[in-house]
């Protein structure tokens, strides 16, 4: 993560945990992030926490509960009291949970209520600059010559990044070695260190490292080129049409959370995300396309994502780490 991003997020974390005047007004509000610190989901949560603290009249703390493709933290929220004190801020892998983990101790549809689709950022492929990959064609050529000889990192089995690479291998008749990590930050660390040949991650987590020169991006999976990555071709432009993948962040509440509490959280999130410094960080540093939907918008979007990516999980018999 870049120096600017660290400074912004460290300040956000401090403001979220400090606010003594606010503490007197109400009990702490917990935002559960079902992934380890260092990834884009954690970054987004810590970025909005200070604004939520100000607008909700209570300190907002970020609680990282990683493991099992995000299901551990999600389960904690699904079983929490629906009193407006506990919320889930999660990543795109939420759409694959039911297909990936048939024995989940909760039902994502029944036990969680949608609050907001914050936005999304396209997935990109990146490698250490001394690696030989400068295009999708380079990866395909090496993978064909050395089946299973090219390794890639993702944020875990069944995440959208992993499933995108599964589709890519099917479309190009190649085999690559998958190395799942617990967060985007950990995948970045090993890619920068050269322990893995390349990684697939959201532009949000990869772009700061590409800008600083510690990673080289060479393909993006969005429908069009990002302005900040204008020289980086899409996968469709590289000759593989129809293979699009976008990371996204969504907020959910325990089922039964009062509608007025959901409405307050939605409004507080929207106002926090529209603060100039927050919006600038989301759009410029995190490379996010902000949506800031209402609860119904998230519900509709999630239904499409579940259908699309759940089929990839089932068709390829993929299971969690």
C-alpha atoms as a PDB file:
ATOM      1  CA  UNK A   1       0.000   0.000   0.000  1.00  0.00           C
ATOM      2  CA  UNK A   2       1.364   3.441  -0.862  1.00  0.00           C
ATOM      3  CA  UNK A   3       2.606   5.953   1.721  1.00  0.00           C
ATOM      4  CA  UNK A   4      -0.382   8.177   1.019  1.00  0.00           C
ATOM      5  CA  UNK A   5      -2.793   5.307   1.521  1.00  0.00           C
ATOM      6  CA  UNK A   6      -1.120   4.237   4.782  1.00  0.00           C
ATOM      7  CA  UNK A   7      -1.316   7.765   6.127  1.00  0.00           C
ATOM      8  CA  UNK A   8      -4.976   8.149   5.206  1.00  0.00           C
ATOM      9  CA  UNK A   9      -5.962   4.769   6.601  1.00  0.00           C
ATOM     10  CA  UNK A  10      -3.895   5.095   9.796  1.00  0.00           C
ATOM     11  CA  UNK A  11      -5.587   8.394  10.430  1.00  0.00           C
ATOM     12  CA  UNK A  12      -8.948   6.809   9.723  1.00  0.00           C
ATOM     13  CA  UNK A  13      -8.283   3.960  12.139  1.00  0.00           C
ATOM     14  CA  UNK A  14      -7.172   6.373  14.840  1.00  0.00           C
ATOM     15  CA  UNK A  15     -10.227   8.556  14.416  1.00  0.00           C
ATOM     16  CA  UNK A  16     -12.492   5.518  14.485  1.00  0.00           C
ATOM     17  CA  UNK A  17     -11.064   4.361  17.813  1.00  0.00           C
ATOM     18  CA  UNK A  18     -10.491   7.747  19.442  1.00  0.00           C
ATOM     19  CA  UNK A  19     -13.607  10.101  19.613  1.00  0.00           C
ATOM     20  CA  UNK A  20     -14.126  10.230  23.402  1.00  0.00           C
ATOM     21  CA  UNK A  21     -16.944  12.759  23.075  1.00  0.00           C
ATOM     22  CA  UNK A  22     -18.845  10.345  20.861  1.00  0.00           C
ATOM     23  CA  UNK A  23     -18.334   7.387  23.195  1.00  0.00           C
ATOM     24  CA  UNK A  24     -20.460   9.018  25.812  1.00  0.00           C
ATOM     25  CA  UNK A  25     -23.393   9.144  23.431  1.00  0.00           C
ATOM     26  CA  UNK A  26     -23.716   5.464  22.594  1.00  0.00           C
ATOM     27  CA  UNK A  27     -22.222   1.995  22.559  1.00  0.00           C
ATOM     28  CA  UNK A  28     -19.576   1.156  19.981  1.00  0.00           C
ATOM     29  CA  UNK A  29     -20.751   0.095  16.541  1.00  0.00           C
ATOM     30  CA  UNK A  30     -18.854  -2.844  15.081  1.00  0.00           C
ATOM     31  CA  UNK A  31     -18.077  -3.281  11.393  1.00  0.00           C
ATOM     32  CA  UNK A  32     -16.960  -6.859  10.815  1.00  0.00           C
ATOM     33  CA  UNK A  33     -14.534  -7.385   7.926  1.00  0.00           C
ATOM     34  CA  UNK A  34     -14.312 -11.147   7.223  1.00  0.00           C
ATOM     35  CA  UNK A  35     -10.748 -10.889   5.908  1.00  0.00           C
ATOM     36  CA  UNK A  36      -7.316 -10.166   7.344  1.00  0.00           C
ATOM     37  CA  UNK A  37      -5.962  -6.600   7.529  1.00  0.00           C
ATOM     38  CA  UNK A  38      -4.121  -5.295   4.487  1.00  0.00           C
ATOM     39  CA  UNK A  39      -6.638  -5.991   1.746  1.00  0.00           C
ATOM     40  CA  UNK A  40      -9.018  -3.614   0.027  1.00  0.00           C
ATOM     41  CA  UNK A  41     -12.040  -4.591   2.153  1.00  0.00           C
ATOM     42  CA  UNK A  42     -10.205  -3.706   5.338  1.00  0.00           C
ATOM     43  CA  UNK A  43      -9.001  -0.473   3.717  1.00  0.00           C
ATOM     44  CA  UNK A  44     -12.519   0.579   2.720  1.00  0.00           C
ATOM     45  CA  UNK A  45     -13.879  -0.158   6.197  1.00  0.00           C
ATOM     46  CA  UNK A  46     -11.171   1.894   7.911  1.00  0.00           C
ATOM     47  CA  UNK A  47     -11.597   4.710   5.422  1.00  0.00           C
ATOM     48  CA  UNK A  48     -15.324   5.186   6.150  1.00  0.00           C
ATOM     49  CA  UNK A  49     -15.152   4.505   9.896  1.00  0.00           C
ATOM     50  CA  UNK A  50     -14.393   8.119  11.000  1.00  0.00           C
ATOM     51  CA  UNK A  51     -17.299   9.527   8.986  1.00  0.00           C
ATOM     52  CA  UNK A  52     -19.632   6.885  10.365  1.00  0.00           C
ATOM     53  CA  UNK A  53     -18.488   7.699  13.901  1.00  0.00           C
ATOM     54  CA  UNK A  54     -19.426  11.340  13.375  1.00  0.00           C
ATOM     55  CA  UNK A  55     -22.776  10.634  11.738  1.00  0.00           C
ATOM     56  CA  UNK A  56     -24.023   7.743  13.870  1.00  0.00           C
ATOM     57  CA  UNK A  57     -23.133   9.282  17.225  1.00  0.00           C
ATOM     58  CA  UNK A  58     -21.085   6.319  18.450  1.00  0.00           C
ATOM     59  CA  UNK A  59     -17.516   5.076  17.981  1.00  0.00           C
ATOM     60  CA  UNK A  60     -17.139   2.728  15.014  1.00  0.00           C
ATOM     61  CA  UNK A  61     -14.554  -0.047  15.303  1.00  0.00           C
ATOM     62  CA  UNK A  62     -13.370  -2.419  12.571  1.00  0.00           C
ATOM     63  CA  UNK A  63     -13.276  -6.084  13.593  1.00  0.00           C
ATOM     64  CA  UNK A  64     -11.233  -8.354  11.271  1.00  0.00           C
ATOM     65  CA  UNK A  65     -12.431 -11.963  11.433  1.00  0.00           C
ATOM     66  CA  UNK A  66     -10.710 -13.841   8.631  1.00  0.00           C
ATOM     67  CA  UNK A  67     -11.000 -17.428   7.486  1.00  0.00           C
ATOM     68  CA  UNK A  68     -12.978 -19.943   5.408  1.00  0.00           C
ATOM     69  CA  UNK A  69     -13.505 -17.686   2.374  1.00  0.00           C
ATOM     70  CA  UNK A  70     -14.996 -14.971   4.564  1.00  0.00           C
ATOM     71  CA  UNK A  71     -17.602 -17.225   6.145  1.00  0.00           C
ATOM     72  CA  UNK A  72     -16.265 -16.980   9.725  1.00  0.00           C
ATOM     73  CA  UNK A  73     -16.745 -13.247  10.003  1.00  0.00           C
ATOM     74  CA  UNK A  74     -19.969 -13.381   8.029  1.00  0.00           C
ATOM     75  CA  UNK A  75     -21.328 -16.043  10.392  1.00  0.00           C
ATOM     76  CA  UNK A  76     -20.561 -13.790  13.358  1.00  0.00           C
ATOM     77  CA  UNK A  77     -22.711 -11.044  11.846  1.00  0.00           C
ATOM     78  CA  UNK A  78     -25.479 -13.440  10.786  1.00  0.00           C
ATOM     79  CA  UNK A  79     -25.774 -14.588  14.415  1.00  0.00           C
ATOM     80  CA  UNK A  80     -25.423 -11.132  15.976  1.00  0.00           C
ATOM     81  CA  UNK A  81     -28.337  -9.334  17.611  1.00  0.00           C
ATOM     82  CA  UNK A  82     -30.190  -7.255  14.980  1.00  0.00           C
ATOM     83  CA  UNK A  83     -29.918  -4.096  17.046  1.00  0.00           C
ATOM     84  CA  UNK A  84     -28.004  -1.867  14.648  1.00  0.00           C
ATOM     85  CA  UNK A  85     -24.701  -2.310  16.494  1.00  0.00           C
ATOM     86  CA  UNK A  86     -23.145  -4.944  14.193  1.00  0.00           C
ATOM     87  CA  UNK A  87     -22.619  -4.707  10.440  1.00  0.00           C
ATOM     88  CA  UNK A  88     -20.776  -6.662   7.770  1.00  0.00           C
ATOM     89  CA  UNK A  89     -18.562  -5.010   5.165  1.00  0.00           C
ATOM     90  CA  UNK A  90     -17.546  -7.744   2.795  1.00  0.00           C
ATOM     91  CA  UNK A  91     -16.050  -8.504  -0.577  1.00  0.00           C
ATOM     92  CA  UNK A  92     -17.202 -10.080  -3.843  1.00  0.00           C
ATOM     93  CA  UNK A  93     -16.583 -13.638  -2.558  1.00  0.00           C
ATOM     94  CA  UNK A  94     -19.811 -13.234  -0.595  1.00  0.00           C
ATOM     95  CA  UNK A  95     -21.599 -14.165  -3.817  1.00  0.00           C
ATOM     96  CA  UNK A  96     -19.985 -17.618  -3.865  1.00  0.00           C
ATOM     97  CA  UNK A  97     -20.442 -18.657  -0.231  1.00  0.00           C
ATOM     98  CA  UNK A  98     -23.498 -20.895  -0.695  1.00  0.00           C
ATOM     99  CA  UNK A  99     -21.996 -22.706  -3.682  1.00  0.00           C
ATOM    100  CA  UNK A 100     -18.538 -22.914  -2.133  1.00  0.00           C
ATOM    101  CA  UNK A 101     -19.584 -24.032   1.350  1.00  0.00           C
ATOM    102  CA  UNK A 102     -22.803 -26.076   1.143  1.00  0.00           C
ATOM    103  CA  UNK A 103     -22.718 -26.754   4.905  1.00  0.00           C
ATOM    104  CA  UNK A 104     -22.626 -23.113   5.983  1.00  0.00           C
ATOM    105  CA  UNK A 105     -23.902 -22.599   9.554  1.00  0.00           C
ATOM    106  CA  UNK A 106     -26.024 -19.716   8.249  1.00  0.00           C
ATOM    107  CA  UNK A 107     -27.982 -18.809   5.125  1.00  0.00           C
ATOM    108  CA  UNK A 108     -26.636 -15.662   3.427  1.00  0.00           C
ATOM    109  CA  UNK A 109     -30.043 -14.948   1.887  1.00  0.00           C
ATOM    110  CA  UNK A 110     -32.124 -15.554   4.996  1.00  0.00           C
ATOM    111  CA  UNK A 111     -29.814 -14.362   7.777  1.00  0.00           C
ATOM    112  CA  UNK A 112     -28.454 -11.122   6.299  1.00  0.00           C
ATOM    113  CA  UNK A 113     -30.222  -8.005   5.072  1.00  0.00           C
ATOM    114  CA  UNK A 114     -28.688  -5.840   2.306  1.00  0.00           C
ATOM    115  CA  UNK A 115     -27.654  -2.295   3.169  1.00  0.00           C
ATOM    116  CA  UNK A 116     -25.484  -0.870   0.358  1.00  0.00           C
ATOM    117  CA  UNK A 117     -23.404  -1.804  -2.660  1.00  0.00           C
ATOM    118  CA  UNK A 118     -20.492   0.582  -2.139  1.00  0.00           C
ATOM    119  CA  UNK A 119     -18.889   0.075  -5.544  1.00  0.00           C
ATOM    120  CA  UNK A 120     -16.379  -1.987  -7.451  1.00  0.00           C
ATOM    121  CA  UNK A 121     -13.015  -2.118  -9.190  1.00  0.00           C
ATOM    122  CA  UNK A 122     -11.893  -4.412 -12.015  1.00  0.00           C
ATOM    123  CA  UNK A 123      -9.568  -7.308 -11.390  1.00  0.00           C
ATOM    124  CA  UNK A 124      -6.062  -6.988 -12.799  1.00  0.00           C
ATOM    125  CA  UNK A 125      -3.100  -9.297 -13.289  1.00  0.00           C
ATOM    126  CA  UNK A 126       0.229  -8.146 -11.875  1.00  0.00           C
ATOM    127  CA  UNK A 127       3.719  -9.496 -11.352  1.00  0.00           C
ATOM    128  CA  UNK A 128       7.085  -8.435  -9.977  1.00  0.00           C
ATOM    129  CA  UNK A 129       8.810  -6.256 -12.615  1.00  0.00           C
ATOM    130  CA  UNK A 130      11.580  -8.801 -13.201  1.00  0.00           C
ATOM    131  CA  UNK A 131       9.083 -11.500 -14.174  1.00  0.00           C
ATOM    132  CA  UNK A 132       8.685 -12.186 -17.921  1.00  0.00           C
ATOM    133  CA  UNK A 133       4.962 -11.401 -18.202  1.00  0.00           C
ATOM    134  CA  UNK A 134       3.927  -8.278 -20.082  1.00  0.00           C
ATOM    135  CA  UNK A 135       0.648  -9.539 -21.561  1.00  0.00           C
ATOM    136  CA  UNK A 136      -1.939 -12.288 -21.307  1.00  0.00           C
ATOM    137  CA  UNK A 137      -0.287 -13.843 -24.361  1.00  0.00           C
ATOM    138  CA  UNK A 138       2.967 -14.192 -22.402  1.00  0.00           C
ATOM    139  CA  UNK A 139       1.183 -16.024 -19.597  1.00  0.00           C
ATOM    140  CA  UNK A 140      -0.671 -18.327 -21.960  1.00  0.00           C
ATOM    141  CA  UNK A 141       2.483 -19.136 -23.902  1.00  0.00           C
ATOM    142  CA  UNK A 142       4.451 -19.994 -20.746  1.00  0.00           C
ATOM    143  CA  UNK A 143       1.568 -22.020 -19.272  1.00  0.00           C
ATOM    144  CA  UNK A 144       1.205 -24.055 -22.467  1.00  0.00           C
ATOM    145  CA  UNK A 145       4.926 -24.774 -22.530  1.00  0.00           C
ATOM    146  CA  UNK A 146       5.037 -25.609 -18.807  1.00  0.00           C
ATOM    147  CA  UNK A 147       1.689 -27.006 -17.568  1.00  0.00           C
ATOM    148  CA  UNK A 148       1.301 -26.121 -13.865  1.00  0.00           C
ATOM    149  CA  UNK A 149       4.639 -24.288 -14.110  1.00  0.00           C
ATOM    150  CA  UNK A 150       3.124 -20.807 -13.772  1.00  0.00           C
ATOM    151  CA  UNK A 151       1.870 -19.880 -10.303  1.00  0.00           C
ATOM    152  CA  UNK A 152      -0.648 -17.202  -9.387  1.00  0.00           C
ATOM    153  CA  UNK A 153      -1.917 -15.873  -6.095  1.00  0.00           C
ATOM    154  CA  UNK A 154      -5.444 -14.868  -5.169  1.00  0.00           C
ATOM    155  CA  UNK A 155      -7.321 -14.053  -1.986  1.00  0.00           C
ATOM    156  CA  UNK A 156      -8.505 -17.648  -1.615  1.00  0.00           C
ATOM    157  CA  UNK A 157     -10.250 -20.617  -3.170  1.00  0.00           C
ATOM    158  CA  UNK A 158     -13.605 -19.644  -4.585  1.00  0.00           C
ATOM    159  CA  UNK A 159     -12.981 -15.921  -4.578  1.00  0.00           C
ATOM    160  CA  UNK A 160     -13.866 -14.097  -7.766  1.00  0.00           C
ATOM    161  CA  UNK A 161     -10.186 -13.689  -8.641  1.00  0.00           C
ATOM    162  CA  UNK A 162      -9.621 -17.423  -8.400  1.00  0.00           C
ATOM    163  CA  UNK A 163     -12.767 -18.189 -10.395  1.00  0.00           C
ATOM    164  CA  UNK A 164     -11.709 -15.715 -13.081  1.00  0.00           C
ATOM    165  CA  UNK A 165      -8.411 -17.552 -13.458  1.00  0.00           C
ATOM    166  CA  UNK A 166     -10.277 -20.861 -13.654  1.00  0.00           C
ATOM    167  CA  UNK A 167     -12.296 -19.445 -16.546  1.00  0.00           C
ATOM    168  CA  UNK A 168      -9.146 -18.072 -18.178  1.00  0.00           C
ATOM    169  CA  UNK A 169      -7.464 -21.479 -18.059  1.00  0.00           C
ATOM    170  CA  UNK A 170     -10.555 -23.094 -19.546  1.00  0.00           C
ATOM    171  CA  UNK A 171     -10.707 -20.551 -22.358  1.00  0.00           C
ATOM    172  CA  UNK A 172      -6.992 -20.943 -23.196  1.00  0.00           C
ATOM    173  CA  UNK A 173      -6.603 -24.683 -22.498  1.00  0.00           C
ATOM    174  CA  UNK A 174      -3.875 -24.119 -19.924  1.00  0.00           C
ATOM    175  CA  UNK A 175      -3.089 -25.280 -16.381  1.00  0.00           C
ATOM    176  CA  UNK A 176      -1.606 -23.009 -13.731  1.00  0.00           C
ATOM    177  CA  UNK A 177      -0.802 -23.476 -10.042  1.00  0.00           C
ATOM    178  CA  UNK A 178      -3.091 -21.593  -7.678  1.00  0.00           C
ATOM    179  CA  UNK A 179      -1.747 -20.232  -4.363  1.00  0.00           C
ATOM    180  CA  UNK A 180      -4.603 -18.965  -2.179  1.00  0.00           C
ATOM    181  CA  UNK A 181      -3.968 -16.248   0.432  1.00  0.00           C
ATOM    182  CA  UNK A 182      -6.072 -14.957   3.295  1.00  0.00           C
ATOM    183  CA  UNK A 183      -6.130 -11.381   1.984  1.00  0.00           C
ATOM    184  CA  UNK A 184      -5.112  -9.218  -0.929  1.00  0.00           C
ATOM    185  CA  UNK A 185      -2.348  -7.701   1.162  1.00  0.00           C
ATOM    186  CA  UNK A 186      -0.719 -11.076   1.763  1.00  0.00           C
ATOM    187  CA  UNK A 187      -0.955 -11.956  -1.933  1.00  0.00           C
ATOM    188  CA  UNK A 188       0.678  -8.641  -2.812  1.00  0.00           C
ATOM    189  CA  UNK A 189       3.503  -9.229  -0.341  1.00  0.00           C
ATOM    190  CA  UNK A 190       4.444 -12.578  -1.864  1.00  0.00           C
ATOM    191  CA  UNK A 191       4.109 -11.266  -5.413  1.00  0.00           C
ATOM    192  CA  UNK A 192       6.368  -8.295  -4.664  1.00  0.00           C
ATOM    193  CA  UNK A 193       8.840 -10.705  -3.059  1.00  0.00           C
ATOM    194  CA  UNK A 194       8.768 -12.961  -6.116  1.00  0.00           C
ATOM    195  CA  UNK A 195       7.476 -16.012  -4.241  1.00  0.00           C
ATOM    196  CA  UNK A 196       4.601 -16.335  -6.711  1.00  0.00           C
ATOM    197  CA  UNK A 197       4.834 -15.637 -10.459  1.00  0.00           C
ATOM    198  CA  UNK A 198       1.860 -13.296 -10.579  1.00  0.00           C
ATOM    199  CA  UNK A 199      -1.345 -12.434  -8.786  1.00  0.00           C
ATOM    200  CA  UNK A 200      -4.898 -11.532  -9.625  1.00  0.00           C
ATOM    201  CA  UNK A 201      -6.352  -8.829  -7.436  1.00  0.00           C
ATOM    202  CA  UNK A 202      -8.645  -5.861  -7.562  1.00  0.00           C
ATOM    203  CA  UNK A 203      -7.215  -2.667  -8.974  1.00  0.00           C
ATOM    204  CA  UNK A 204      -7.889  -1.248  -5.515  1.00  0.00           C
ATOM    205  CA  UNK A 205      -5.208  -3.367  -3.881  1.00  0.00           C
ATOM    206  CA  UNK A 206      -2.788  -3.630  -6.831  1.00  0.00           C
ATOM    207  CA  UNK A 207      -2.707  -0.089  -8.228  1.00  0.00           C
ATOM    208  CA  UNK A 208      -0.715   1.577  -5.407  1.00  0.00           C
ATOM    209  CA  UNK A 209       2.048  -0.974  -5.900  1.00  0.00           C
ATOM    210  CA  UNK A 210       1.951  -0.612  -9.681  1.00  0.00           C
ATOM    211  CA  UNK A 211       2.239   3.155  -9.278  1.00  0.00           C
ATOM    212  CA  UNK A 212       5.226   2.809  -6.951  1.00  0.00           C
ATOM    213  CA  UNK A 213       6.918   0.350  -9.317  1.00  0.00           C
ATOM    214  CA  UNK A 214       6.986  -2.696  -7.031  1.00  0.00           C
ATOM    215  CA  UNK A 215       4.452  -4.485  -9.266  1.00  0.00           C
ATOM    216  CA  UNK A 216       3.820  -4.418 -13.007  1.00  0.00           C
ATOM    217  CA  UNK A 217       0.222  -4.790 -14.174  1.00  0.00           C
ATOM    218  CA  UNK A 218      -0.318  -6.344 -17.581  1.00  0.00           C
ATOM    219  CA  UNK A 219      -4.044  -7.053 -18.020  1.00  0.00           C
ATOM    220  CA  UNK A 220      -7.352  -5.808 -16.656  1.00  0.00           C
ATOM    221  CA  UNK A 221     -10.658  -7.669 -16.594  1.00  0.00           C
ATOM    222  CA  UNK A 222     -13.010  -4.686 -16.692  1.00  0.00           C
ATOM    223  CA  UNK A 223     -15.329  -3.889 -19.605  1.00  0.00           C
ATOM    224  CA  UNK A 224     -13.139  -0.888 -20.470  1.00  0.00           C
ATOM    225  CA  UNK A 225      -9.760   0.520 -19.462  1.00  0.00           C
ATOM    226  CA  UNK A 226      -9.478   2.319 -16.149  1.00  0.00           C
ATOM    227  CA  UNK A 227      -8.419   5.969 -16.544  1.00  0.00           C
ATOM    228  CA  UNK A 228      -5.477   5.354 -14.181  1.00  0.00           C
ATOM    229  CA  UNK A 229      -4.481   2.289 -16.219  1.00  0.00           C
ATOM    230  CA  UNK A 230      -5.139   3.757 -19.644  1.00  0.00           C
ATOM    231  CA  UNK A 231      -2.171   1.958 -21.198  1.00  0.00           C
ATOM    232  CA  UNK A 232      -3.236  -1.411 -19.831  1.00  0.00           C
ATOM    233  CA  UNK A 233      -5.348  -3.478 -22.270  1.00  0.00           C
ATOM    234  CA  UNK A 234      -8.462  -5.278 -21.192  1.00  0.00           C
ATOM    235  CA  UNK A 235      -8.569  -9.038 -21.543  1.00  0.00           C
ATOM    236  CA  UNK A 236     -11.118  -8.596 -24.319  1.00  0.00           C
ATOM    237  CA  UNK A 237      -8.694  -6.352 -26.205  1.00  0.00           C
ATOM    238  CA  UNK A 238      -6.050  -9.046 -25.741  1.00  0.00           C
ATOM    239  CA  UNK A 239      -8.222 -11.498 -27.651  1.00  0.00           C
ATOM    240  CA  UNK A 240     -10.333 -13.168 -24.934  1.00  0.00           C
ATOM    241  CA  UNK A 241     -13.784 -11.519 -25.123  1.00  0.00           C
ATOM    242  CA  UNK A 242     -16.536 -12.033 -22.571  1.00  0.00           C
ATOM    243  CA  UNK A 243     -14.262 -12.644 -19.592  1.00  0.00           C
ATOM    244  CA  UNK A 244     -15.029  -9.786 -17.217  1.00  0.00           C
ATOM    245  CA  UNK A 245     -14.581  -9.676 -13.452  1.00  0.00           C
ATOM    246  CA  UNK A 246     -15.001  -6.837 -11.008  1.00  0.00           C
ATOM    247  CA  UNK A 247     -14.281  -6.781  -7.308  1.00  0.00           C
ATOM    248  CA  UNK A 248     -16.980  -5.158  -5.192  1.00  0.00           C
ATOM    249  CA  UNK A 249     -17.724  -4.188  -1.611  1.00  0.00           C
ATOM    250  CA  UNK A 250     -21.103  -4.499   0.065  1.00  0.00           C
ATOM    251  CA  UNK A 251     -22.567  -3.831   3.500  1.00  0.00           C
ATOM    252  CA  UNK A 252     -25.057  -6.150   5.192  1.00  0.00           C
ATOM    253  CA  UNK A 253     -26.870  -6.306   8.534  1.00  0.00           C
ATOM    254  CA  UNK A 254     -28.139  -9.206  10.647  1.00  0.00           C
ATOM    255  CA  UNK A 255     -31.594 -10.175   9.434  1.00  0.00           C
ATOM    256  CA  UNK A 256     -34.288  -8.294  11.272  1.00  0.00           C
ATOM    257  CA  UNK A 257     -32.259  -5.142  11.878  1.00  0.00           C
ATOM    258  CA  UNK A 258     -34.852  -2.325  12.071  1.00  0.00           C
ATOM    259  CA  UNK A 259     -35.411  -0.596   8.773  1.00  0.00           C
ATOM    260  CA  UNK A 260     -34.763   2.807  10.279  1.00  0.00           C
ATOM    261  CA  UNK A 261     -31.332   1.600  11.474  1.00  0.00           C
ATOM    262  CA  UNK A 262     -30.573   0.269   7.986  1.00  0.00           C
ATOM    263  CA  UNK A 263     -31.676   3.569   6.461  1.00  0.00           C
ATOM    264  CA  UNK A 264     -29.469   5.522   8.884  1.00  0.00           C
ATOM    265  CA  UNK A 265     -26.453   3.358   8.083  1.00  0.00           C
ATOM    266  CA  UNK A 266     -27.075   3.671   4.339  1.00  0.00           C
ATOM    267  CA  UNK A 267     -27.322   7.462   4.614  1.00  0.00           C
ATOM    268  CA  UNK A 268     -24.237   7.677   6.845  1.00  0.00           C
ATOM    269  CA  UNK A 269     -22.225   5.532   4.442  1.00  0.00           C
ATOM    270  CA  UNK A 270     -23.288   7.646   1.470  1.00  0.00           C
ATOM    271  CA  UNK A 271     -22.385  10.899   3.197  1.00  0.00           C
ATOM    272  CA  UNK A 272     -19.061   9.479   4.404  1.00  0.00           C
ATOM    273  CA  UNK A 273     -18.143   8.198   0.946  1.00  0.00           C
ATOM    274  CA  UNK A 274     -18.965  11.581  -0.581  1.00  0.00           C
ATOM    275  CA  UNK A 275     -16.526  13.450   1.654  1.00  0.00           C
ATOM    276  CA  UNK A 276     -13.949  14.887  -0.777  1.00  0.00           C
ATOM    277  CA  UNK A 277     -10.908  13.174   0.762  1.00  0.00           C
ATOM    278  CA  UNK A 278     -12.705   9.840   1.085  1.00  0.00           C
ATOM    279  CA  UNK A 279     -14.104   9.939  -2.429  1.00  0.00           C
ATOM    280  CA  UNK A 280     -10.704  10.924  -3.793  1.00  0.00           C
ATOM    281  CA  UNK A 281      -9.050   8.001  -2.015  1.00  0.00           C
ATOM    282  CA  UNK A 282     -11.711   5.567  -3.217  1.00  0.00           C
ATOM    283  CA  UNK A 283     -11.585   6.710  -6.840  1.00  0.00           C
ATOM    284  CA  UNK A 284      -7.913   7.611  -7.264  1.00  0.00           C
ATOM    285  CA  UNK A 285      -6.052   5.356  -4.846  1.00  0.00           C
ATOM    286  CA  UNK A 286      -8.473   2.430  -4.577  1.00  0.00           C
ATOM    287  CA  UNK A 287      -9.569   2.767  -8.225  1.00  0.00           C
ATOM    288  CA  UNK A 288     -13.198   2.213  -7.232  1.00  0.00           C
ATOM    289  CA  UNK A 289     -16.269   2.956  -9.268  1.00  0.00           C
ATOM    290  CA  UNK A 290     -18.634   4.196  -6.561  1.00  0.00           C
ATOM    291  CA  UNK A 291     -22.253   3.036  -6.723  1.00  0.00           C
ATOM    292  CA  UNK A 292     -23.609   3.765  -3.205  1.00  0.00           C
ATOM    293  CA  UNK A 293     -26.856   1.885  -3.864  1.00  0.00           C
ATOM    294  CA  UNK A 294     -29.933   1.538  -1.723  1.00  0.00           C
ATOM    295  CA  UNK A 295     -30.613  -1.871  -0.089  1.00  0.00           C
ATOM    296  CA  UNK A 296     -32.739  -3.035  -3.014  1.00  0.00           C
ATOM    297  CA  UNK A 297     -29.943  -2.218  -5.438  1.00  0.00           C
ATOM    298  CA  UNK A 298     -27.524  -4.446  -3.535  1.00  0.00           C
ATOM    299  CA  UNK A 299     -30.086  -7.255  -3.405  1.00  0.00           C
ATOM    300  CA  UNK A 300     -30.595  -7.176  -7.184  1.00  0.00           C
ATOM    301  CA  UNK A 301     -26.878  -6.960  -7.912  1.00  0.00           C
ATOM    302  CA  UNK A 302     -26.070  -9.827  -5.535  1.00  0.00           C
ATOM    303  CA  UNK A 303     -28.655 -12.075  -7.166  1.00  0.00           C
ATOM    304  CA  UNK A 304     -26.886 -11.691 -10.521  1.00  0.00           C
ATOM    305  CA  UNK A 305     -23.453 -12.287  -9.010  1.00  0.00           C
ATOM    306  CA  UNK A 306     -24.604 -15.426  -7.173  1.00  0.00           C
ATOM    307  CA  UNK A 307     -25.998 -16.888 -10.391  1.00  0.00           C
ATOM    308  CA  UNK A 308     -22.891 -16.067 -12.446  1.00  0.00           C
ATOM    309  CA  UNK A 309     -20.132 -17.161 -10.091  1.00  0.00           C
ATOM    310  CA  UNK A 310     -21.999 -19.928  -8.289  1.00  0.00           C
ATOM    311  CA  UNK A 311     -22.179 -21.756 -11.595  1.00  0.00           C
ATOM    312  CA  UNK A 312     -18.379 -21.552 -11.978  1.00  0.00           C
ATOM    313  CA  UNK A 313     -17.902 -23.006  -8.495  1.00  0.00           C
ATOM    314  CA  UNK A 314     -20.272 -25.902  -9.145  1.00  0.00           C
ATOM    315  CA  UNK A 315     -19.088 -26.620 -12.688  1.00  0.00           C
ATOM    316  CA  UNK A 316     -15.476 -26.890 -11.512  1.00  0.00           C
ATOM    317  CA  UNK A 317     -16.139 -28.609  -8.182  1.00  0.00           C
ATOM    318  CA  UNK A 318     -14.321 -25.883  -6.238  1.00  0.00           C
ATOM    319  CA  UNK A 319     -14.243 -25.908  -2.432  1.00  0.00           C
ATOM    320  CA  UNK A 320     -12.952 -23.475   0.170  1.00  0.00           C
ATOM    321  CA  UNK A 321      -9.393 -23.540   1.497  1.00  0.00           C
END
